[in-house]
Each structure stands twice: as structure tokens, then as C-alpha cells.
Amino acid sequence: MSQIIIDSNNYWRLVGELSFATAGDLLTELTNKISTLDSNGLTIDLSEVKNTDSAGLALLIELLRINTSITFCNIPKRILSLSNVGGVRNLLMNEGV
């Protein structure tokens, strides 16, 4: 199970799983919420993500495609490892291409 907690308009937390089992529903929910933002500069905290896989990485990349001003913090080691293998770590770390 996964949950989005909105601490403020510009600071959200993802809690729970970021995996094949949850990525589709999370993408739909996050896309809907992101589309209602009035401002840029959203930070998504991943410190409470407990289980993740390559679908979690794909979800984060898709969110950046939707809104390039998103910043991720406390990215789980598993996602960082997968992003290194895929050559996309720079995207998650807001370093550009």
C-alpha cells in the first residue's frame, strides 16, 4: 500500500511501496494532484518509501516528464542503484541530462 501525504502545497511525502504493485495507481493520483498545483517547485520526500523496484524508478522519471520542477529528496538506495544502471541518476538528482 502507498500513500501521498501533502504537508504543504510544495512539500509532499510518499509513504509505503513504490513498486509494480502500486506504480500505476500512484501515477494516476500524483498526475491529478500535480495538475492542480498553482506553483512550481514541488519537493517529494521519499524517506518513508519502504519497498521499491524498477517501476518506482519509472514512476519518478514519468513525474519529471510531467513537471520538470519536481525535486526528490531522501531517494531510496535501491532507486539510486537502479538509476545508476539505467544512466538516469542525473535526472533524479536534478542535474539535467
PDB file of N, CA and C in Angstrom:
ATOM      1  N   MET A   1       0.845  -1.183   0.000  1.00  0.00           N
ATOM      2  CA  MET A   1       0.000   0.000   0.000  1.00  0.00           C
ATOM      3  C   MET A   1       0.887   1.242   0.000  1.00  0.00           C
ATOM      4  N   SER A   2       0.413   2.261  -0.663  1.00  0.00           N
ATOM      5  CA  SER A   2       1.136   3.529  -0.740  1.00  0.00           C
ATOM      6  C   SER A   2       0.197   4.682  -0.438  1.00  0.00           C
ATOM      7  N   GLN A   3       0.814   5.767  -0.036  1.00  0.00           N
ATOM      8  CA  GLN A   3       0.031   6.936   0.349  1.00  0.00           C
ATOM      9  C   GLN A   3       0.814   8.198   0.017  1.00  0.00           C
ATOM     10  N   ILE A   4       0.100   9.227  -0.388  1.00  0.00           N
ATOM     11  CA  ILE A   4       0.688  10.544  -0.622  1.00  0.00           C
ATOM     12  C   ILE A   4       0.225  11.442   0.514  1.00  0.00           C
ATOM     13  N   ILE A   5       1.179  12.016   1.216  1.00  0.00           N
ATOM     14  CA  ILE A   5       0.846  12.943   2.296  1.00  0.00           C
ATOM     15  C   ILE A   5       1.306  14.327   1.855  1.00  0.00           C
ATOM     16  N   ILE A   6       0.375  15.258   1.821  1.00  0.00           N
ATOM     17  CA  ILE A   6       0.683  16.620   1.399  1.00  0.00           C
ATOM     18  C   ILE A   6       0.881  17.470   2.646  1.00  0.00           C
ATOM     19  N   ASP A   7       2.143  17.765   2.941  1.00  0.00           N
ATOM     20  CA  ASP A   7       2.465  18.585   4.107  1.00  0.00           C
ATOM     21  C   ASP A   7       2.225  20.063   3.817  1.00  0.00           C
ATOM     22  N   SER A   8       2.486  20.454   2.594  1.00  0.00           N
ATOM     23  CA  SER A   8       2.198  21.811   2.138  1.00  0.00           C
ATOM     24  C   SER A   8       2.054  21.745   0.625  1.00  0.00           C
ATOM     25  N   ASN A   9       1.691  22.846   0.021  1.00  0.00           N
ATOM     26  CA  ASN A   9       1.500  22.875  -1.426  1.00  0.00           C
ATOM     27  C   ASN A   9       2.766  22.445  -2.169  1.00  0.00           C
ATOM     28  N   ASN A  10       3.932  22.713  -1.582  1.00  0.00           N
ATOM     29  CA  ASN A  10       5.191  22.437  -2.271  1.00  0.00           C
ATOM     30  C   ASN A  10       6.011  21.319  -1.639  1.00  0.00           C
ATOM     31  N   TYR A  11       5.465  20.588  -0.651  1.00  0.00           N
ATOM     32  CA  TYR A  11       6.213  19.516   0.000  1.00  0.00           C
ATOM     33  C   TYR A  11       5.291  18.330   0.263  1.00  0.00           C
ATOM     34  N   TRP A  12       5.548  17.245  -0.457  1.00  0.00           N
ATOM     35  CA  TRP A  12       4.757  16.034  -0.322  1.00  0.00           C
ATOM     36  C   TRP A  12       5.646  14.888   0.117  1.00  0.00           C
ATOM     37  N   ARG A  13       5.036  13.877   0.761  1.00  0.00           N
ATOM     38  CA  ARG A  13       5.751  12.667   1.154  1.00  0.00           C
ATOM     39  C   ARG A  13       5.063  11.452   0.559  1.00  0.00           C
ATOM     40  N   LEU A  14       5.857  10.543   0.017  1.00  0.00           N
ATOM     41  CA  LEU A  14       5.337   9.251  -0.406  1.00  0.00           C
ATOM     42  C   LEU A  14       5.654   8.251   0.691  1.00  0.00           C
ATOM     43  N   VAL A  15       4.661   7.476   1.087  1.00  0.00           N
ATOM     44  CA  VAL A  15       4.794   6.530   2.182  1.00  0.00           C
ATOM     45  C   VAL A  15       4.390   5.146   1.675  1.00  0.00           C
ATOM     46  N   GLY A  16       5.197   4.141   2.007  1.00  0.00           N
ATOM     47  CA  GLY A  16       4.854   2.765   1.656  1.00  0.00           C
ATOM     48  C   GLY A  16       5.648   2.249   0.477  1.00  0.00           C
ATOM     49  N   GLU A  17       4.989   1.503  -0.394  1.00  0.00           N
ATOM     50  CA  GLU A  17       5.641   0.867  -1.534  1.00  0.00           C
ATOM     51  C   GLU A  17       5.653   1.760  -2.762  1.00  0.00           C
ATOM     52  N   LEU A  18       6.731   1.625  -3.511  1.00  0.00           N
ATOM     53  CA  LEU A  18       6.872   2.280  -4.807  1.00  0.00           C
ATOM     54  C   LEU A  18       7.321   1.167  -5.750  1.00  0.00           C
ATOM     55  N   SER A  19       6.356   0.357  -6.210  1.00  0.00           N
ATOM     56  CA  SER A  19       6.675  -0.882  -6.913  1.00  0.00           C
ATOM     57  C   SER A  19       5.673  -1.141  -8.038  1.00  0.00           C
ATOM     58  N   PHE A  20       5.877  -2.282  -8.726  1.00  0.00           N
ATOM     59  CA  PHE A  20       4.953  -2.670  -9.789  1.00  0.00           C
ATOM     60  C   PHE A  20       3.516  -2.723  -9.280  1.00  0.00           C
ATOM     61  N   ALA A  21       3.350  -3.139  -8.035  1.00  0.00           N
ATOM     62  CA  ALA A  21       2.003  -3.271  -7.465  1.00  0.00           C
ATOM     63  C   ALA A  21       1.315  -1.933  -7.234  1.00  0.00           C
ATOM     64  N   THR A  22       2.087  -0.860  -7.057  1.00  0.00           N
ATOM     65  CA  THR A  22       1.488   0.428  -6.697  1.00  0.00           C
ATOM     66  C   THR A  22       1.717   1.541  -7.716  1.00  0.00           C
ATOM     67  N   ALA A  23       2.660   1.366  -8.630  1.00  0.00           N
ATOM     68  CA  ALA A  23       3.077   2.460  -9.517  1.00  0.00           C
ATOM     69  C   ALA A  23       1.941   3.011 -10.381  1.00  0.00           C
ATOM     70  N   GLY A  24       1.104   2.160 -10.926  1.00  0.00           N
ATOM     71  CA  GLY A  24       0.022   2.629 -11.793  1.00  0.00           C
ATOM     72  C   GLY A  24      -0.956   3.540 -11.068  1.00  0.00           C
ATOM     73  N   ASP A  25      -1.418   3.098  -9.919  1.00  0.00           N
ATOM     74  CA  ASP A  25      -2.357   3.907  -9.135  1.00  0.00           C
ATOM     75  C   ASP A  25      -1.703   5.199  -8.648  1.00  0.00           C
ATOM     76  N   LEU A  26      -0.436   5.095  -8.214  1.00  0.00           N
ATOM     77  CA  LEU A  26       0.271   6.295  -7.757  1.00  0.00           C
ATOM     78  C   LEU A  26       0.450   7.295  -8.886  1.00  0.00           C
ATOM     79  N   LEU A  27       0.769   6.804 -10.080  1.00  0.00           N
ATOM     80  CA  LEU A  27       0.947   7.711 -11.213  1.00  0.00           C
ATOM     81  C   LEU A  27      -0.337   8.476 -11.491  1.00  0.00           C
ATOM     82  N   THR A  28      -1.447   7.788 -11.492  1.00  0.00           N
ATOM     83  CA  THR A  28      -2.738   8.450 -11.723  1.00  0.00           C
ATOM     84  C   THR A  28      -3.011   9.494 -10.655  1.00  0.00           C
ATOM     85  N   GLU A  29      -2.856   9.109  -9.399  1.00  0.00           N
ATOM     86  CA  GLU A  29      -3.142  10.027  -8.296  1.00  0.00           C
ATOM     87  C   GLU A  29      -2.186  11.225  -8.289  1.00  0.00           C
ATOM     88  N   LEU A  30      -0.907  10.960  -8.470  1.00  0.00           N
ATOM     89  CA  LEU A  30       0.074  12.051  -8.467  1.00  0.00           C
ATOM     90  C   LEU A  30      -0.118  12.981  -9.654  1.00  0.00           C
ATOM     91  N   THR A  31      -0.417  12.432 -10.814  1.00  0.00           N
ATOM     92  CA  THR A  31      -0.653  13.264 -12.001  1.00  0.00           C
ATOM     93  C   THR A  31      -1.830  14.197 -11.768  1.00  0.00           C
ATOM     94  N   ASN A  32      -2.891  13.673 -11.194  1.00  0.00           N
ATOM     95  CA  ASN A  32      -4.059  14.510 -10.899  1.00  0.00           C
ATOM     96  C   ASN A  32      -3.720  15.612  -9.900  1.00  0.00           C
ATOM     97  N   LYS A  33      -2.971  15.274  -8.870  1.00  0.00           N
ATOM     98  CA  LYS A  33      -2.612  16.269  -7.857  1.00  0.00           C
ATOM     99  C   LYS A  33      -1.638  17.313  -8.411  1.00  0.00           C
ATOM    100  N   ILE A  34      -0.672  16.868  -9.206  1.00  0.00           N
ATOM    101  CA  ILE A  34       0.309  17.793  -9.788  1.00  0.00           C
ATOM    102  C   ILE A  34      -0.370  18.775 -10.726  1.00  0.00           C
ATOM    103  N   SER A  35      -1.375  18.311 -11.445  1.00  0.00           N
ATOM    104  CA  SER A  35      -2.064  19.195 -12.396  1.00  0.00           C
ATOM    105  C   SER A  35      -2.826  20.319 -11.701  1.00  0.00           C
ATOM    106  N   THR A  36      -3.089  20.182 -10.403  1.00  0.00           N
ATOM    107  CA  THR A  36      -3.824  21.220  -9.675  1.00  0.00           C
ATOM    108  C   THR A  36      -2.902  22.219  -8.986  1.00  0.00           C
ATOM    109  N   LEU A  37      -1.593  22.006  -9.062  1.00  0.00           N
ATOM    110  CA  LEU A  37      -0.662  22.921  -8.406  1.00  0.00           C
ATOM    111  C   LEU A  37      -0.681  24.293  -9.057  1.00  0.00           C
ATOM    112  N   ASP A  38      -0.651  25.319  -8.240  1.00  0.00           N
ATOM    113  CA  ASP A  38      -0.594  26.686  -8.733  1.00  0.00           C
ATOM    114  C   ASP A  38       0.832  27.159  -8.950  1.00  0.00           C
ATOM    115  N   SER A  39       1.774  26.483  -8.293  1.00  0.00           N
ATOM    116  CA  SER A  39       3.155  26.956  -8.356  1.00  0.00           C
ATOM    117  C   SER A  39       4.093  25.834  -8.763  1.00  0.00           C
ATOM    118  N   ASN A  40       5.287  26.232  -9.147  1.00  0.00           N
ATOM    119  CA  ASN A  40       6.342  25.278  -9.443  1.00  0.00           C
ATOM    120  C   ASN A  40       7.148  25.047  -8.177  1.00  0.00           C
ATOM    121  N   GLY A  41       8.073  24.121  -8.246  1.00  0.00           N
ATOM    122  CA  GLY A  41       8.965  23.915  -7.118  1.00  0.00           C
ATOM    123  C   GLY A  41       8.467  22.888  -6.123  1.00  0.00           C
ATOM    124  N   LEU A  42       7.888  21.802  -6.581  1.00  0.00           N
ATOM    125  CA  LEU A  42       7.400  20.753  -5.706  1.00  0.00           C
ATOM    126  C   LEU A  42       8.550  19.852  -5.259  1.00  0.00           C
ATOM    127  N   THR A  43       8.632  19.572  -3.957  1.00  0.00           N
ATOM    128  CA  THR A  43       9.575  18.603  -3.412  1.00  0.00           C
ATOM    129  C   THR A  43       8.791  17.383  -2.958  1.00  0.00           C
ATOM    130  N   ILE A  44       9.251  16.214  -3.392  1.00  0.00           N
ATOM    131  CA  ILE A  44       8.636  14.955  -2.974  1.00  0.00           C
ATOM    132  C   ILE A  44       9.660  14.186  -2.150  1.00  0.00           C
ATOM    133  N   ASP A  45       9.326  13.965  -0.890  1.00  0.00           N
ATOM    134  CA  ASP A  45      10.194  13.272   0.061  1.00  0.00           C
ATOM    135  C   ASP A  45       9.911  11.765  -0.014  1.00  0.00           C
ATOM    136  N   LEU A  46      10.959  10.981  -0.235  1.00  0.00           N
ATOM    137  CA  LEU A  46      10.825   9.536  -0.372  1.00  0.00           C
ATOM    138  C   LEU A  46      11.372   8.774   0.835  1.00  0.00           C
ATOM    139  N   SER A  47      11.596   9.465   1.944  1.00  0.00           N
ATOM    140  CA  SER A  47      12.223   8.833   3.111  1.00  0.00           C
ATOM    141  C   SER A  47      11.366   7.733   3.735  1.00  0.00           C
ATOM    142  N   GLU A  48      10.065   7.740   3.478  1.00  0.00           N
ATOM    143  CA  GLU A  48       9.184   6.741   4.071  1.00  0.00           C
ATOM    144  C   GLU A  48       8.787   5.644   3.086  1.00  0.00           C
ATOM    145  N   VAL A  49       9.482   5.582   1.950  1.00  0.00           N
ATOM    146  CA  VAL A  49       9.266   4.503   0.991  1.00  0.00           C
ATOM    147  C   VAL A  49      10.004   3.276   1.520  1.00  0.00           C
ATOM    148  N   LYS A  50       9.290   2.194   1.710  1.00  0.00           N
ATOM    149  CA  LYS A  50       9.865   1.003   2.332  1.00  0.00           C
ATOM    150  C   LYS A  50      10.255  -0.077   1.328  1.00  0.00           C
ATOM    151  N   ASN A  51       9.606  -0.151   0.208  1.00  0.00           N
ATOM    152  CA  ASN A  51       9.882  -1.179  -0.782  1.00  0.00           C
ATOM    153  C   ASN A  51       9.793  -0.538  -2.157  1.00  0.00           C
ATOM    154  N   THR A  52      10.787  -0.814  -2.996  1.00  0.00           N
ATOM    155  CA  THR A  52      10.776  -0.222  -4.321  1.00  0.00           C
ATOM    156  C   THR A  52      11.435  -1.151  -5.325  1.00  0.00           C
ATOM    157  N   ASP A  53      11.136  -0.918  -6.593  1.00  0.00           N
ATOM    158  CA  ASP A  53      11.745  -1.682  -7.676  1.00  0.00           C
ATOM    159  C   ASP A  53      11.829  -0.778  -8.909  1.00  0.00           C
ATOM    160  N   SER A  54      12.076  -1.356 -10.067  1.00  0.00           N
ATOM    161  CA  SER A  54      12.264  -0.548 -11.272  1.00  0.00           C
ATOM    162  C   SER A  54      11.017   0.233 -11.664  1.00  0.00           C
ATOM    163  N   ALA A  55       9.844  -0.250 -11.289  1.00  0.00           N
ATOM    164  CA  ALA A  55       8.619   0.506 -11.570  1.00  0.00           C
ATOM    165  C   ALA A  55       8.598   1.803 -10.765  1.00  0.00           C
ATOM    166  N   GLY A  56       9.182   1.787  -9.580  1.00  0.00           N
ATOM    167  CA  GLY A  56       9.294   3.008  -8.784  1.00  0.00           C
ATOM    168  C   GLY A  56      10.174   4.028  -9.475  1.00  0.00           C
ATOM    169  N   LEU A  57      11.289   3.568 -10.029  1.00  0.00           N
ATOM    170  CA  LEU A  57      12.159   4.460 -10.793  1.00  0.00           C
ATOM    171  C   LEU A  57      11.427   5.023 -12.001  1.00  0.00           C
ATOM    172  N   ALA A  58      10.735   4.168 -12.725  1.00  0.00           N
ATOM    173  CA  ALA A  58       9.981   4.623 -13.899  1.00  0.00           C
ATOM    174  C   ALA A  58       8.931   5.665 -13.514  1.00  0.00           C
ATOM    175  N   LEU A  59       8.290   5.471 -12.381  1.00  0.00           N
ATOM    176  CA  LEU A  59       7.293   6.428 -11.895  1.00  0.00           C
ATOM    177  C   LEU A  59       7.925   7.798 -11.650  1.00  0.00           C
ATOM    178  N   LEU A  60       9.066   7.826 -10.999  1.00  0.00           N
ATOM    179  CA  LEU A  60       9.727   9.104 -10.716  1.00  0.00           C
ATOM    180  C   LEU A  60      10.139   9.814 -12.006  1.00  0.00           C
ATOM    181  N   ILE A  61      10.641   9.064 -12.959  1.00  0.00           N
ATOM    182  CA  ILE A  61      11.026   9.664 -14.242  1.00  0.00           C
ATOM    183  C   ILE A  61       9.797  10.217 -14.967  1.00  0.00           C
ATOM    184  N   GLU A  62       8.703   9.493 -14.909  1.00  0.00           N
ATOM    185  CA  GLU A  62       7.467   9.968 -15.538  1.00  0.00           C
ATOM    186  C   GLU A  62       6.966  11.250 -14.865  1.00  0.00           C
ATOM    187  N   LEU A  63       7.076  11.329 -13.558  1.00  0.00           N
ATOM    188  CA  LEU A  63       6.670  12.555 -12.855  1.00  0.00           C
ATOM    189  C   LEU A  63       7.519  13.738 -13.306  1.00  0.00           C
ATOM    190  N   LEU A  64       8.805  13.502 -13.527  1.00  0.00           N
ATOM    191  CA  LEU A  64       9.678  14.582 -14.024  1.00  0.00           C
ATOM    192  C   LEU A  64       9.310  14.991 -15.442  1.00  0.00           C
ATOM    193  N   ARG A  65       8.812  14.049 -16.228  1.00  0.00           N
ATOM    194  CA  ARG A  65       8.364  14.376 -17.574  1.00  0.00           C
ATOM    195  C   ARG A  65       7.127  15.278 -17.511  1.00  0.00           C
ATOM    196  N   ILE A  66       6.274  15.017 -16.541  1.00  0.00           N
ATOM    197  CA  ILE A  66       5.041  15.792 -16.376  1.00  0.00           C
ATOM    198  C   ILE A  66       5.346  17.189 -15.836  1.00  0.00           C
ATOM    199  N   ASN A  67       6.281  17.266 -14.891  1.00  0.00           N
ATOM    200  CA  ASN A  67       6.616  18.542 -14.265  1.00  0.00           C
ATOM    201  C   ASN A  67       8.113  18.558 -13.953  1.00  0.00           C
ATOM    202  N   THR A  68       8.874  19.270 -14.742  1.00  0.00           N
ATOM    203  CA  THR A  68      10.335  19.264 -14.601  1.00  0.00           C
ATOM    204  C   THR A  68      10.835  20.005 -13.365  1.00  0.00           C
ATOM    205  N   SER A  69       9.961  20.688 -12.652  1.00  0.00           N
ATOM    206  CA  SER A  69      10.401  21.424 -11.467  1.00  0.00           C
ATOM    207  C   SER A  69      10.310  20.591 -10.182  1.00  0.00           C
ATOM    208  N   ILE A  70       9.983  19.307 -10.301  1.00  0.00           N
ATOM    209  CA  ILE A  70       9.923  18.439  -9.126  1.00  0.00           C
ATOM    210  C   ILE A  70      11.340  18.117  -8.656  1.00  0.00           C
ATOM    211  N   THR A  71      11.523  18.162  -7.349  1.00  0.00           N
ATOM    212  CA  THR A  71      12.766  17.744  -6.719  1.00  0.00           C
ATOM    213  C   THR A  71      12.449  16.583  -5.790  1.00  0.00           C
ATOM    214  N   PHE A  72      13.250  15.533  -5.875  1.00  0.00           N
ATOM    215  CA  PHE A  72      13.090  14.390  -4.979  1.00  0.00           C
ATOM    216  C   PHE A  72      14.140  14.479  -3.885  1.00  0.00           C
ATOM    217  N   CYS A  73      13.756  14.166  -2.655  1.00  0.00           N
ATOM    218  CA  CYS A  73      14.728  14.111  -1.570  1.00  0.00           C
ATOM    219  C   CYS A  73      14.605  12.766  -0.860  1.00  0.00           C
ATOM    220  N   ASN A  74      15.684  12.370  -0.211  1.00  0.00           N
ATOM    221  CA  ASN A  74      15.742  11.094   0.510  1.00  0.00           C
ATOM    222  C   ASN A  74      15.386   9.911  -0.401  1.00  0.00           C
ATOM    223  N   ILE A  75      15.995   9.904  -1.565  1.00  0.00           N
ATOM    224  CA  ILE A  75      15.738   8.848  -2.547  1.00  0.00           C
ATOM    225  C   ILE A  75      16.301   7.527  -2.010  1.00  0.00           C
ATOM    226  N   PRO A  76      15.484   6.464  -2.020  1.00  0.00           N
ATOM    227  CA  PRO A  76      15.956   5.175  -1.516  1.00  0.00           C
ATOM    228  C   PRO A  76      17.174   4.662  -2.297  1.00  0.00           C
ATOM    229  N   LYS A  77      18.053   3.965  -1.592  1.00  0.00           N
ATOM    230  CA  LYS A  77      19.270   3.432  -2.208  1.00  0.00           C
ATOM    231  C   LYS A  77      18.961   2.530  -3.394  1.00  0.00           C
ATOM    232  N   ARG A  78      17.907   1.756  -3.299  1.00  0.00           N
ATOM    233  CA  ARG A  78      17.537   0.837  -4.395  1.00  0.00           C
ATOM    234  C   ARG A  78      17.235   1.624  -5.668  1.00  0.00           C
ATOM    235  N   ILE A  79      16.512   2.724  -5.559  1.00  0.00           N
ATOM    236  CA  ILE A  79      16.210   3.534  -6.736  1.00  0.00           C
ATOM    237  C   ILE A  79      17.476   4.179  -7.275  1.00  0.00           C
ATOM    238  N   LEU A  80      18.346   4.643  -6.393  1.00  0.00           N
ATOM    239  CA  LEU A  80      19.611   5.227  -6.849  1.00  0.00           C
ATOM    240  C   LEU A  80      20.459   4.194  -7.581  1.00  0.00           C
ATOM    241  N   SER A  81      20.492   2.975  -7.064  1.00  0.00           N
ATOM    242  CA  SER A  81      21.245   1.912  -7.731  1.00  0.00           C
ATOM    243  C   SER A  81      20.678   1.626  -9.113  1.00  0.00           C
ATOM    244  N   LEU A  82      19.365   1.516  -9.201  1.00  0.00           N
ATOM    245  CA  LEU A  82      18.723   1.271 -10.495  1.00  0.00           C
ATOM    246  C   LEU A  82      18.952   2.436 -11.450  1.00  0.00           C
ATOM    247  N   SER A  83      18.935   3.649 -10.932  1.00  0.00           N
ATOM    248  CA  SER A  83      19.140   4.814 -11.797  1.00  0.00           C
ATOM    249  C   SER A  83      20.581   4.881 -12.309  1.00  0.00           C
ATOM    250  N   ASN A  84      21.533   4.390 -11.513  1.00  0.00           N
ATOM    251  CA  ASN A  84      22.923   4.317 -11.976  1.00  0.00           C
ATOM    252  C   ASN A  84      23.043   3.340 -13.138  1.00  0.00           C
ATOM    253  N   VAL A  85      22.438   2.169 -12.990  1.00  0.00           N
ATOM    254  CA  VAL A  85      22.486   1.151 -14.035  1.00  0.00           C
ATOM    255  C   VAL A  85      21.822   1.675 -15.306  1.00  0.00           C
ATOM    256  N   GLY A  86      20.709   2.372 -15.152  1.00  0.00           N
ATOM    257  CA  GLY A  86      19.976   2.898 -16.301  1.00  0.00           C
ATOM    258  C   GLY A  86      20.532   4.198 -16.859  1.00  0.00           C
ATOM    259  N   GLY A  87      21.520   4.768 -16.192  1.00  0.00           N
ATOM    260  CA  GLY A  87      22.125   6.007 -16.666  1.00  0.00           C
ATOM    261  C   GLY A  87      21.241   7.235 -16.520  1.00  0.00           C
ATOM    262  N   VAL A  88      20.317   7.204 -15.545  1.00  0.00           N
ATOM    263  CA  VAL A  88      19.395   8.329 -15.373  1.00  0.00           C
ATOM    264  C   VAL A  88      19.486   8.977 -13.992  1.00  0.00           C
ATOM    265  N   ARG A  89      20.518   8.636 -13.247  1.00  0.00           N
ATOM    266  CA  ARG A  89      20.659   9.211 -11.903  1.00  0.00           C
ATOM    267  C   ARG A  89      20.665  10.740 -11.950  1.00  0.00           C
ATOM    268  N   ASN A  90      21.299  11.306 -12.969  1.00  0.00           N
ATOM    269  CA  ASN A  90      21.371  12.764 -13.087  1.00  0.00           C
ATOM    270  C   ASN A  90      19.986  13.409 -13.153  1.00  0.00           C
ATOM    271  N   LEU A  91      19.026  12.719 -13.734  1.00  0.00           N
ATOM    272  CA  LEU A  91      17.654  13.248 -13.792  1.00  0.00           C
ATOM    273  C   LEU A  91      17.048  13.337 -12.400  1.00  0.00           C
ATOM    274  N   LEU A  92      17.214  12.283 -11.620  1.00  0.00           N
ATOM    275  CA  LEU A  92      16.647  12.264 -10.264  1.00  0.00           C
ATOM    276  C   LEU A  92      17.319  13.260  -9.347  1.00  0.00           C
ATOM    277  N   MET A  93      18.582  13.529  -9.614  1.00  0.00           N
ATOM    278  CA  MET A  93      19.338  14.443  -8.763  1.00  0.00           C
ATOM    279  C   MET A  93      19.275  15.880  -9.277  1.00  0.00           C
ATOM    280  N   ASN A  94      18.376  16.133 -10.250  1.00  0.00           N
ATOM    281  CA  ASN A  94      18.174  17.472 -10.827  1.00  0.00           C
ATOM    282  C   ASN A  94      19.446  18.048 -11.421  1.00  0.00           C
ATOM    283  N   GLU A  95      20.220  17.185 -12.064  1.00  0.00           N
ATOM    284  CA  GLU A  95      21.452  17.634 -12.704  1.00  0.00           C
ATOM    285  C   GLU A  95      21.308  17.772 -14.205  1.00  0.00           C
ATOM    286  N   GLY A  96      20.101  17.537 -14.705  1.00  0.00           N
ATOM    287  CA  GLY A  96      19.878  17.622 -16.142  1.00  0.00           C
ATOM    288  C   GLY A  96      20.416  16.404 -16.858  1.00  0.00           C
ATOM    289  N   VAL A  97      20.403  16.471 -18.169  1.00  0.00           N
ATOM    290  CA  VAL A  97      20.844  15.331 -18.985  1.00  0.00           C
ATOM    291  C   VAL A  97      22.306  15.435 -19.306  1.00  0.00           C
TER     292      VAL A  97
END
